[in-house]
């Protein structure tokens, strides 16, 4: 029985599970998004979020602690340089899990796990600012009316060259008749 055991063992030994979590978290930090099974994604979230929290404090001790969990020097540098900058103001919840459906071969439920601050699709929606509406238009309406008046005055000028083209066409007809 699993009384009070909160970790999902994923059908692996302790050493295999730790190595797999280190590799998956390195891939997540490196590529910012990975596709895996839903159970592994949920287990990875509990493994990688404390690492991301440690990366916000750039000290030698936190770098060594993170390196002992990841075992990849290049990923640690990327984590402390690029990722830590983006997540500096976020109080938690650095990852997002999106369910995909079932895998064809073994019907395992698949998911995408990604770093929240590196998704440009959702980030664009969050940055859209709400326009403030003002009840009293006043000068703004008058300014747009004067711009429309300028546009109306330019329109007849654009038709004038079209009238000049017709006499040239008549000259061409006269030239044909002379030949």
N, C-alpha and C. Protein backbone atom coordinates (compact mmCIF):
# COMPACT_ATOMS: atom_id res chain seq x y z
N UNK A 1 0.83 -1.19 0.00
CA UNK A 1 0.00 0.00 0.00
C UNK A 1 0.87 1.25 0.00
N UNK A 2 0.30 2.34 -0.48
CA UNK A 2 1.09 3.57 -0.63
C UNK A 2 0.70 4.62 0.40
N UNK A 3 0.42 4.22 1.62
CA UNK A 3 -0.05 5.14 2.66
C UNK A 3 0.89 6.33 2.81
N UNK A 4 0.39 7.51 2.48
CA UNK A 4 1.14 8.75 2.73
C UNK A 4 2.34 8.96 1.83
N UNK A 5 2.51 8.16 0.80
CA UNK A 5 3.65 8.33 -0.11
C UNK A 5 3.21 9.25 -1.25
N UNK A 6 3.78 10.43 -1.30
CA UNK A 6 3.31 11.44 -2.25
C UNK A 6 4.04 11.41 -3.57
N UNK A 7 5.13 10.71 -3.68
CA UNK A 7 5.90 10.69 -4.92
C UNK A 7 5.41 9.56 -5.82
N UNK A 8 5.32 9.86 -7.11
CA UNK A 8 4.96 8.83 -8.08
C UNK A 8 6.26 8.14 -8.50
N UNK A 9 6.34 6.85 -8.26
CA UNK A 9 7.58 6.13 -8.54
C UNK A 9 7.77 5.84 -10.03
N UNK A 10 6.71 5.96 -10.82
CA UNK A 10 6.77 5.81 -12.28
C UNK A 10 7.32 4.44 -12.70
N UNK A 11 7.21 3.44 -11.86
CA UNK A 11 7.65 2.09 -12.20
C UNK A 11 9.15 1.96 -12.38
N UNK A 12 9.92 2.77 -11.68
CA UNK A 12 11.37 2.76 -11.82
C UNK A 12 12.02 2.70 -10.45
N UNK A 13 13.28 2.31 -10.45
CA UNK A 13 14.04 2.33 -9.21
C UNK A 13 14.37 3.77 -8.85
N UNK A 14 14.85 3.98 -7.65
CA UNK A 14 15.14 5.33 -7.18
C UNK A 14 16.22 6.01 -8.02
N UNK A 15 17.29 5.30 -8.32
CA UNK A 15 18.38 5.90 -9.09
C UNK A 15 17.95 6.20 -10.52
N UNK A 16 17.16 5.29 -11.12
CA UNK A 16 16.68 5.51 -12.49
C UNK A 16 15.73 6.70 -12.52
N UNK A 17 14.86 6.81 -11.54
CA UNK A 17 13.91 7.91 -11.49
C UNK A 17 14.62 9.25 -11.32
N UNK A 18 15.62 9.32 -10.44
CA UNK A 18 16.36 10.56 -10.25
C UNK A 18 17.11 10.97 -11.51
N UNK A 19 17.72 10.00 -12.19
CA UNK A 19 18.43 10.30 -13.43
C UNK A 19 17.47 10.77 -14.51
N UNK A 20 16.30 10.14 -14.58
CA UNK A 20 15.31 10.53 -15.59
C UNK A 20 14.78 11.93 -15.31
N UNK A 21 14.51 12.25 -14.06
CA UNK A 21 14.03 13.59 -13.71
C UNK A 21 15.10 14.65 -14.00
N UNK A 22 16.36 14.34 -13.73
CA UNK A 22 17.44 15.28 -14.02
C UNK A 22 17.54 15.53 -15.53
N UNK A 23 17.44 14.46 -16.32
CA UNK A 23 17.51 14.60 -17.78
C UNK A 23 16.31 15.36 -18.33
N UNK A 24 15.13 15.04 -17.82
CA UNK A 24 13.93 15.71 -18.32
C UNK A 24 13.93 17.19 -17.93
N UNK A 25 14.37 17.52 -16.73
CA UNK A 25 14.40 18.92 -16.33
C UNK A 25 15.47 19.69 -17.10
N UNK A 26 16.58 19.03 -17.43
CA UNK A 26 17.60 19.67 -18.27
C UNK A 26 17.03 19.96 -19.66
N UNK A 27 16.29 19.01 -20.21
CA UNK A 27 15.67 19.22 -21.52
C UNK A 27 14.63 20.32 -21.47
N UNK A 28 13.87 20.38 -20.39
CA UNK A 28 12.86 21.42 -20.25
C UNK A 28 13.49 22.80 -20.18
N UNK A 29 14.57 22.93 -19.43
CA UNK A 29 15.24 24.23 -19.31
C UNK A 29 15.92 24.61 -20.62
N UNK A 30 16.47 23.64 -21.31
CA UNK A 30 17.17 23.89 -22.56
C UNK A 30 16.21 24.26 -23.69
N UNK A 31 15.12 23.48 -23.84
CA UNK A 31 14.20 23.66 -24.97
C UNK A 31 12.95 24.45 -24.62
N UNK A 32 12.73 24.72 -23.33
CA UNK A 32 11.60 25.50 -22.82
C UNK A 32 10.26 24.78 -22.94
N UNK A 33 10.20 23.62 -23.60
CA UNK A 33 8.96 22.86 -23.76
C UNK A 33 9.31 21.44 -24.18
N UNK A 34 8.68 20.44 -23.53
CA UNK A 34 8.89 19.05 -23.94
C UNK A 34 7.55 18.33 -23.96
N UNK A 35 7.48 17.26 -24.74
CA UNK A 35 6.30 16.42 -24.83
C UNK A 35 6.62 15.11 -24.12
N UNK A 36 5.76 14.72 -23.18
CA UNK A 36 5.99 13.51 -22.41
C UNK A 36 4.63 12.97 -21.95
N UNK A 37 4.63 11.90 -21.17
CA UNK A 37 3.37 11.38 -20.66
C UNK A 37 2.88 12.29 -19.53
N UNK A 38 1.61 12.22 -19.25
CA UNK A 38 1.01 13.09 -18.24
C UNK A 38 1.58 12.80 -16.85
N UNK A 39 1.80 11.52 -16.52
CA UNK A 39 2.34 11.17 -15.20
C UNK A 39 3.76 11.70 -15.03
N UNK A 40 4.57 11.58 -16.08
CA UNK A 40 5.94 12.11 -15.99
C UNK A 40 5.94 13.63 -15.92
N UNK A 41 5.02 14.28 -16.62
CA UNK A 41 4.94 15.74 -16.58
C UNK A 41 4.58 16.23 -15.18
N UNK A 42 3.64 15.55 -14.53
CA UNK A 42 3.25 15.94 -13.18
C UNK A 42 4.39 15.70 -12.19
N UNK A 43 5.12 14.60 -12.37
CA UNK A 43 6.26 14.33 -11.51
C UNK A 43 7.39 15.33 -11.76
N UNK A 44 7.57 15.70 -13.03
CA UNK A 44 8.62 16.66 -13.38
C UNK A 44 8.33 18.04 -12.81
N UNK A 45 7.06 18.40 -12.76
CA UNK A 45 6.70 19.71 -12.20
C UNK A 45 7.15 19.82 -10.74
N UNK A 46 6.93 18.77 -9.95
CA UNK A 46 7.34 18.83 -8.55
C UNK A 46 8.85 18.81 -8.39
N UNK A 47 9.56 18.29 -9.40
CA UNK A 47 11.01 18.23 -9.35
C UNK A 47 11.65 19.54 -9.78
N UNK A 48 11.12 20.16 -10.85
CA UNK A 48 11.80 21.29 -11.47
C UNK A 48 11.42 22.64 -10.86
N UNK A 49 10.25 22.77 -10.28
CA UNK A 49 9.85 24.07 -9.74
C UNK A 49 10.73 24.53 -8.58
N UNK A 50 11.12 23.66 -7.63
CA UNK A 50 12.08 24.12 -6.61
C UNK A 50 13.43 24.52 -7.19
N UNK A 51 13.83 23.87 -8.27
CA UNK A 51 15.09 24.24 -8.94
C UNK A 51 14.98 25.64 -9.53
N UNK A 52 13.84 25.93 -10.16
CA UNK A 52 13.63 27.26 -10.73
C UNK A 52 13.58 28.33 -9.64
N UNK A 53 13.03 27.98 -8.50
CA UNK A 53 12.99 28.93 -7.38
C UNK A 53 14.40 29.21 -6.87
N UNK A 54 15.24 28.18 -6.81
CA UNK A 54 16.63 28.36 -6.37
C UNK A 54 17.41 29.24 -7.35
N UNK A 55 17.06 29.18 -8.61
CA UNK A 55 17.81 29.93 -9.62
C UNK A 55 17.58 31.43 -9.51
N UNK A 56 16.53 31.85 -8.81
CA UNK A 56 16.27 33.28 -8.65
C UNK A 56 17.30 33.95 -7.75
N UNK A 57 17.95 33.17 -6.89
CA UNK A 57 19.00 33.67 -6.00
C UNK A 57 20.34 33.21 -6.56
N UNK A 58 21.05 34.08 -7.24
CA UNK A 58 22.28 33.70 -7.94
C UNK A 58 23.48 33.78 -6.99
N UNK A 59 23.67 32.72 -6.22
CA UNK A 59 24.83 32.62 -5.35
C UNK A 59 25.58 31.34 -5.69
N UNK A 60 26.78 31.23 -5.19
CA UNK A 60 27.57 30.02 -5.45
C UNK A 60 26.89 28.80 -4.84
N UNK A 61 26.32 28.95 -3.67
CA UNK A 61 25.66 27.83 -3.02
C UNK A 61 24.46 27.34 -3.83
N UNK A 62 23.63 28.27 -4.33
CA UNK A 62 22.47 27.85 -5.11
C UNK A 62 22.88 27.24 -6.44
N UNK A 63 23.95 27.74 -7.04
CA UNK A 63 24.45 27.14 -8.29
C UNK A 63 24.93 25.71 -8.05
N UNK A 64 25.63 25.49 -6.94
CA UNK A 64 26.11 24.14 -6.65
C UNK A 64 24.96 23.19 -6.32
N UNK A 65 23.97 23.69 -5.62
CA UNK A 65 22.80 22.87 -5.29
C UNK A 65 22.06 22.46 -6.57
N UNK A 66 21.86 23.41 -7.47
CA UNK A 66 21.17 23.13 -8.73
C UNK A 66 21.99 22.19 -9.59
N UNK A 67 23.31 22.38 -9.61
CA UNK A 67 24.16 21.48 -10.40
C UNK A 67 24.11 20.05 -9.86
N UNK A 68 24.02 19.89 -8.54
CA UNK A 68 23.95 18.54 -7.99
C UNK A 68 22.65 17.84 -8.40
N UNK A 69 21.59 18.62 -8.68
CA UNK A 69 20.33 18.02 -9.11
C UNK A 69 20.27 17.81 -10.62
N UNK A 70 20.89 18.70 -11.41
CA UNK A 70 20.79 18.62 -12.87
C UNK A 70 21.95 17.88 -13.53
N UNK A 71 23.15 17.98 -12.99
CA UNK A 71 24.35 17.33 -13.52
C UNK A 71 24.69 17.76 -14.95
N UNK A 72 24.43 19.03 -15.27
CA UNK A 72 24.75 19.54 -16.60
C UNK A 72 25.14 21.01 -16.48
N UNK A 73 26.41 21.29 -16.75
CA UNK A 73 26.95 22.62 -16.53
C UNK A 73 26.35 23.67 -17.46
N UNK A 74 26.13 23.30 -18.74
CA UNK A 74 25.58 24.25 -19.71
C UNK A 74 24.15 24.64 -19.35
N UNK A 75 23.37 23.66 -18.90
CA UNK A 75 21.99 23.93 -18.53
C UNK A 75 21.92 24.84 -17.30
N UNK A 76 22.85 24.66 -16.37
CA UNK A 76 22.88 25.51 -15.18
C UNK A 76 23.17 26.96 -15.58
N UNK A 77 24.08 27.15 -16.54
CA UNK A 77 24.37 28.54 -16.98
C UNK A 77 23.16 29.14 -17.67
N UNK A 78 22.47 28.39 -18.52
CA UNK A 78 21.27 28.90 -19.18
C UNK A 78 20.20 29.23 -18.15
N UNK A 79 20.07 28.36 -17.16
CA UNK A 79 19.07 28.57 -16.11
C UNK A 79 19.31 29.86 -15.35
N UNK A 80 20.55 30.10 -14.95
CA UNK A 80 20.83 31.28 -14.13
C UNK A 80 20.92 32.56 -14.96
N UNK A 81 21.19 32.47 -16.26
CA UNK A 81 21.28 33.67 -17.08
C UNK A 81 19.94 34.04 -17.71
N UNK A 82 19.37 33.14 -18.50
CA UNK A 82 18.17 33.46 -19.28
C UNK A 82 16.88 33.25 -18.49
N UNK A 83 16.73 32.07 -17.91
CA UNK A 83 15.46 31.71 -17.29
C UNK A 83 15.23 32.51 -16.02
N UNK A 84 16.26 32.69 -15.21
CA UNK A 84 16.10 33.40 -13.94
C UNK A 84 15.69 34.86 -14.16
N UNK A 85 16.11 35.47 -15.27
CA UNK A 85 15.71 36.84 -15.57
C UNK A 85 14.20 36.94 -15.80
N UNK A 86 13.66 35.98 -16.55
CA UNK A 86 12.25 36.04 -16.90
C UNK A 86 11.33 35.69 -15.73
N UNK A 87 11.78 34.81 -14.85
CA UNK A 87 10.91 34.38 -13.76
C UNK A 87 11.16 35.16 -12.47
N UNK A 88 11.95 36.22 -12.53
CA UNK A 88 12.34 36.95 -11.32
C UNK A 88 11.14 37.51 -10.56
N UNK A 89 10.13 37.99 -11.25
CA UNK A 89 8.99 38.62 -10.59
C UNK A 89 7.85 37.66 -10.31
N UNK A 90 7.94 36.44 -10.79
CA UNK A 90 6.85 35.47 -10.62
C UNK A 90 6.99 34.77 -9.26
N UNK A 91 5.93 34.73 -8.46
CA UNK A 91 6.04 34.12 -7.13
C UNK A 91 6.00 32.59 -7.14
N UNK A 92 5.71 31.97 -8.23
CA UNK A 92 5.66 30.52 -8.32
C UNK A 92 4.89 30.13 -9.56
N UNK A 93 4.67 28.84 -9.76
CA UNK A 93 3.93 28.39 -10.94
C UNK A 93 4.67 28.65 -12.22
N UNK A 94 5.88 28.13 -12.32
CA UNK A 94 6.74 28.42 -13.47
C UNK A 94 6.44 27.55 -14.67
N UNK A 95 5.71 26.44 -14.47
CA UNK A 95 5.46 25.50 -15.56
C UNK A 95 3.97 25.40 -15.84
N UNK A 96 3.65 24.97 -17.06
CA UNK A 96 2.27 24.75 -17.48
C UNK A 96 2.19 23.38 -18.13
N UNK A 97 1.17 22.60 -17.77
CA UNK A 97 0.96 21.29 -18.37
C UNK A 97 -0.29 21.37 -19.23
N UNK A 98 -0.15 21.00 -20.50
CA UNK A 98 -1.27 20.99 -21.44
C UNK A 98 -1.48 19.56 -21.90
N UNK A 99 -2.67 19.02 -21.68
CA UNK A 99 -2.96 17.64 -22.07
C UNK A 99 -3.18 17.57 -23.58
N UNK A 100 -2.63 16.52 -24.18
CA UNK A 100 -2.70 16.38 -25.63
C UNK A 100 -3.69 15.32 -26.09
N UNK A 101 -3.81 14.24 -25.38
CA UNK A 101 -4.62 13.11 -25.83
C UNK A 101 -3.85 11.85 -25.56
N UNK A 102 -4.23 10.77 -26.22
CA UNK A 102 -3.58 9.49 -25.97
C UNK A 102 -2.63 9.12 -27.09
N UNK A 103 -1.53 8.45 -26.72
CA UNK A 103 -0.54 8.00 -27.69
C UNK A 103 -1.10 6.81 -28.44
N UNK A 104 -0.80 6.71 -29.72
CA UNK A 104 -1.37 5.66 -30.54
C UNK A 104 -0.89 4.26 -30.13
N UNK A 105 0.39 4.12 -29.82
CA UNK A 105 0.92 2.79 -29.57
C UNK A 105 0.38 2.11 -28.32
N UNK A 106 0.42 2.80 -27.19
CA UNK A 106 0.03 2.17 -25.93
C UNK A 106 -1.09 2.90 -25.21
N UNK A 107 -1.70 3.90 -25.86
CA UNK A 107 -2.84 4.64 -25.31
C UNK A 107 -2.49 5.39 -24.03
N UNK A 108 -1.21 5.78 -23.88
CA UNK A 108 -0.79 6.56 -22.72
C UNK A 108 -1.22 8.01 -22.92
N UNK A 109 -1.69 8.64 -21.86
CA UNK A 109 -2.10 10.04 -21.98
C UNK A 109 -0.86 10.92 -22.07
N UNK A 110 -0.81 11.76 -23.10
CA UNK A 110 0.35 12.60 -23.38
C UNK A 110 0.07 14.04 -22.95
N UNK A 111 1.16 14.78 -22.73
CA UNK A 111 1.03 16.17 -22.31
C UNK A 111 2.28 16.94 -22.73
N UNK A 112 2.10 18.25 -22.84
CA UNK A 112 3.22 19.17 -23.06
C UNK A 112 3.46 19.86 -21.73
N UNK A 113 4.70 19.90 -21.29
CA UNK A 113 5.06 20.71 -20.13
C UNK A 113 6.00 21.78 -20.63
N UNK A 114 5.71 23.04 -20.26
CA UNK A 114 6.48 24.16 -20.77
C UNK A 114 6.69 25.20 -19.69
N UNK A 115 7.71 26.01 -19.90
CA UNK A 115 7.95 27.14 -19.00
C UNK A 115 7.00 28.26 -19.38
N UNK A 116 6.27 28.77 -18.41
CA UNK A 116 5.19 29.72 -18.67
C UNK A 116 5.69 31.00 -19.32
N UNK A 117 6.80 31.55 -18.87
CA UNK A 117 7.26 32.85 -19.35
C UNK A 117 7.88 32.80 -20.74
N UNK A 118 8.08 31.62 -21.30
CA UNK A 118 8.71 31.52 -22.61
C UNK A 118 7.71 31.20 -23.71
N UNK A 119 6.43 31.12 -23.39
CA UNK A 119 5.42 30.87 -24.40
C UNK A 119 4.95 32.21 -24.96
N UNK A 120 5.18 32.43 -26.26
CA UNK A 120 4.83 33.71 -26.86
C UNK A 120 3.35 33.81 -27.16
N UNK A 121 2.67 32.70 -27.33
CA UNK A 121 1.25 32.74 -27.65
C UNK A 121 0.45 33.29 -26.48
N UNK A 122 0.68 32.74 -25.29
CA UNK A 122 -0.06 33.20 -24.12
C UNK A 122 0.48 34.52 -23.61
N UNK A 123 1.74 34.79 -23.84
CA UNK A 123 2.33 36.04 -23.38
C UNK A 123 1.77 37.25 -24.11
N UNK A 124 1.42 37.09 -25.39
CA UNK A 124 0.87 38.20 -26.16
C UNK A 124 -0.50 38.60 -25.63
N UNK A 125 -1.30 37.64 -25.20
CA UNK A 125 -2.62 37.95 -24.67
C UNK A 125 -2.51 38.69 -23.35
N UNK A 126 -1.53 38.35 -22.55
CA UNK A 126 -1.39 38.98 -21.24
C UNK A 126 -0.91 40.42 -21.37
N UNK A 127 -0.19 40.75 -22.43
CA UNK A 127 0.37 42.09 -22.59
C UNK A 127 -0.60 43.08 -23.22
N UNK A 128 -1.74 42.62 -23.73
CA UNK A 128 -2.70 43.52 -24.35
C UNK A 128 -3.30 44.41 -23.27
N UNK A 129 -3.16 45.71 -23.46
CA UNK A 129 -3.66 46.65 -22.48
C UNK A 129 -5.10 47.04 -22.82
N UNK A 130 -5.90 47.16 -21.80
CA UNK A 130 -7.27 47.55 -22.00
C UNK A 130 -7.33 49.05 -22.24
N UNK A 131 -8.07 49.43 -23.28
CA UNK A 131 -8.19 50.84 -23.60
C UNK A 131 -9.16 51.50 -22.62
N UNK A 132 -8.80 52.67 -22.18
CA UNK A 132 -9.69 53.42 -21.30
C UNK A 132 -10.57 54.30 -22.16
N UNK A 133 -11.86 54.26 -21.91
CA UNK A 133 -12.78 55.08 -22.68
C UNK A 133 -13.12 56.32 -21.88
N UNK A 134 -13.22 57.42 -22.57
CA UNK A 134 -13.56 58.68 -21.94
C UNK A 134 -14.96 59.05 -22.36
N UNK A 135 -15.70 59.57 -21.43
CA UNK A 135 -17.08 59.94 -21.70
C UNK A 135 -17.17 61.18 -22.58
N UNK A 136 -16.31 62.10 -22.35
CA UNK A 136 -16.38 63.37 -23.06
C UNK A 136 -15.34 63.39 -24.16
N UNK A 137 -15.76 63.48 -25.40
CA UNK A 137 -14.84 63.47 -26.52
C UNK A 137 -14.16 64.79 -26.72
N UNK A 138 -14.91 65.87 -26.80
CA UNK A 138 -14.36 67.22 -26.90
C UNK A 138 -13.45 67.42 -28.08
N UNK A 139 -12.18 67.71 -27.84
CA UNK A 139 -11.22 68.07 -28.87
C UNK A 139 -10.86 66.90 -29.77
N UNK A 140 -10.94 65.71 -29.29
CA UNK A 140 -10.57 64.56 -30.10
C UNK A 140 -11.50 64.42 -31.29
N UNK A 141 -12.79 64.66 -31.10
CA UNK A 141 -13.74 64.55 -32.21
C UNK A 141 -13.47 65.64 -33.24
N UNK A 142 -13.19 66.85 -32.79
CA UNK A 142 -12.92 67.95 -33.72
C UNK A 142 -11.68 67.67 -34.55
N UNK A 143 -10.69 67.06 -33.95
CA UNK A 143 -9.46 66.75 -34.68
C UNK A 143 -9.74 65.73 -35.78
N UNK A 144 -10.58 64.72 -35.51
CA UNK A 144 -10.87 63.73 -36.54
C UNK A 144 -11.73 64.32 -37.64
N UNK A 145 -12.61 65.29 -37.33
CA UNK A 145 -13.42 65.93 -38.35
C UNK A 145 -12.55 66.74 -39.30
N UNK A 146 -11.53 67.42 -38.78
CA UNK A 146 -10.66 68.19 -39.66
C UNK A 146 -9.83 67.28 -40.54
N UNK A 147 -9.43 66.12 -40.01
CA UNK A 147 -8.68 65.17 -40.84
C UNK A 147 -9.55 64.63 -41.96
N UNK A 148 -10.85 64.38 -41.69
CA UNK A 148 -11.76 63.91 -42.72
C UNK A 148 -11.95 64.98 -43.79
N UNK A 149 -11.99 66.23 -43.39
CA UNK A 149 -12.15 67.32 -44.35
C UNK A 149 -10.95 67.39 -45.27
N UNK A 150 -9.77 67.16 -44.74
CA UNK A 150 -8.56 67.16 -45.56
C UNK A 150 -8.61 66.02 -46.56
N UNK A 151 -9.09 64.86 -46.13
CA UNK A 151 -9.19 63.71 -47.02
C UNK A 151 -10.19 63.98 -48.13
N UNK A 152 -11.30 64.63 -47.81
CA UNK A 152 -12.31 64.95 -48.81
C UNK A 152 -11.75 65.91 -49.84
N UNK A 153 -10.94 66.88 -49.43
CA UNK A 153 -10.36 67.83 -50.37
C UNK A 153 -9.36 67.15 -51.29
N UNK A 154 -8.67 66.14 -50.82
CA UNK A 154 -7.68 65.45 -51.65
C UNK A 154 -8.33 64.56 -52.70
N UNK A 155 -9.52 64.11 -52.47
CA UNK A 155 -10.17 63.16 -53.38
C UNK A 155 -10.42 63.75 -54.77
N UNK A 156 -10.96 64.98 -54.92
CA UNK A 156 -11.14 65.51 -56.27
C UNK A 156 -9.82 65.72 -57.00
N UNK A 157 -8.75 66.00 -56.29
CA UNK A 157 -7.46 66.19 -56.93
C UNK A 157 -7.00 64.88 -57.57
N UNK A 158 -7.33 63.76 -56.95
CA UNK A 158 -6.92 62.47 -57.48
C UNK A 158 -7.66 62.15 -58.77
N UNK A 159 -8.87 62.73 -58.97
CA UNK A 159 -9.63 62.45 -60.19
C UNK A 159 -9.16 63.30 -61.37
N UNK A 160 -8.49 64.39 -61.11
CA UNK A 160 -8.08 65.30 -62.17
C UNK A 160 -7.12 64.65 -63.18
N UNK A 161 -6.12 63.86 -62.76
CA UNK A 161 -5.26 63.26 -63.77
C UNK A 161 -6.00 62.27 -64.67
N UNK A 162 -7.08 61.69 -64.20
CA UNK A 162 -7.83 60.76 -65.04
C UNK A 162 -8.45 61.49 -66.22
N UNK A 163 -8.86 62.74 -66.05
CA UNK A 163 -9.42 63.51 -67.13
C UNK A 163 -8.34 63.87 -68.15
N UNK A 164 -7.14 64.08 -67.71
CA UNK A 164 -6.05 64.41 -68.63
C UNK A 164 -5.67 63.22 -69.49
N UNK A 165 -5.94 62.02 -69.04
CA UNK A 165 -5.59 60.82 -69.80
C UNK A 165 -6.47 60.71 -71.03
N UNK A 166 -7.70 61.12 -70.95
CA UNK A 166 -8.62 61.00 -72.07
C UNK A 166 -8.18 61.78 -73.30
N UNK A 167 -7.69 63.04 -73.15
CA UNK A 167 -7.23 63.74 -74.36
C UNK A 167 -6.07 63.01 -75.03
N UNK A 168 -5.21 62.38 -74.26
CA UNK A 168 -4.12 61.62 -74.86
C UNK A 168 -4.67 60.47 -75.68
N UNK A 169 -5.75 59.87 -75.20
CA UNK A 169 -6.36 58.78 -75.94
C UNK A 169 -6.94 59.31 -77.26
N UNK A 170 -7.52 60.52 -77.25
CA UNK A 170 -8.05 61.11 -78.48
C UNK A 170 -6.92 61.39 -79.46
N UNK A 171 -5.77 61.84 -78.94
CA UNK A 171 -4.62 62.08 -79.81
C UNK A 171 -4.17 60.77 -80.44
N UNK A 172 -4.24 59.68 -79.69
CA UNK A 172 -3.85 58.38 -80.23
C UNK A 172 -4.81 57.95 -81.33
N UNK A 173 -6.10 58.26 -81.15
CA UNK A 173 -7.09 57.92 -82.18
C UNK A 173 -6.85 58.75 -83.45
N UNK A 174 -6.52 60.02 -83.27
CA UNK A 174 -6.22 60.88 -84.42
C UNK A 174 -4.99 60.39 -85.14
N UNK A 175 -3.99 59.91 -84.39
CA UNK A 175 -2.77 59.40 -85.02
C UNK A 175 -3.06 58.17 -85.85
N UNK A 176 -3.98 57.33 -85.38
CA UNK A 176 -4.35 56.14 -86.13
C UNK A 176 -5.09 56.49 -87.41
N UNK A 177 -5.95 57.52 -87.32
CA UNK A 177 -6.72 57.92 -88.49
C UNK A 177 -5.82 58.50 -89.57
N UNK A 178 -4.73 59.22 -89.16
CA UNK A 178 -3.84 59.81 -90.14
C UNK A 178 -3.07 58.76 -90.91
N UNK A 179 -2.77 57.64 -90.29
CA UNK A 179 -1.99 56.59 -90.96
C UNK A 179 -2.89 55.88 -91.90
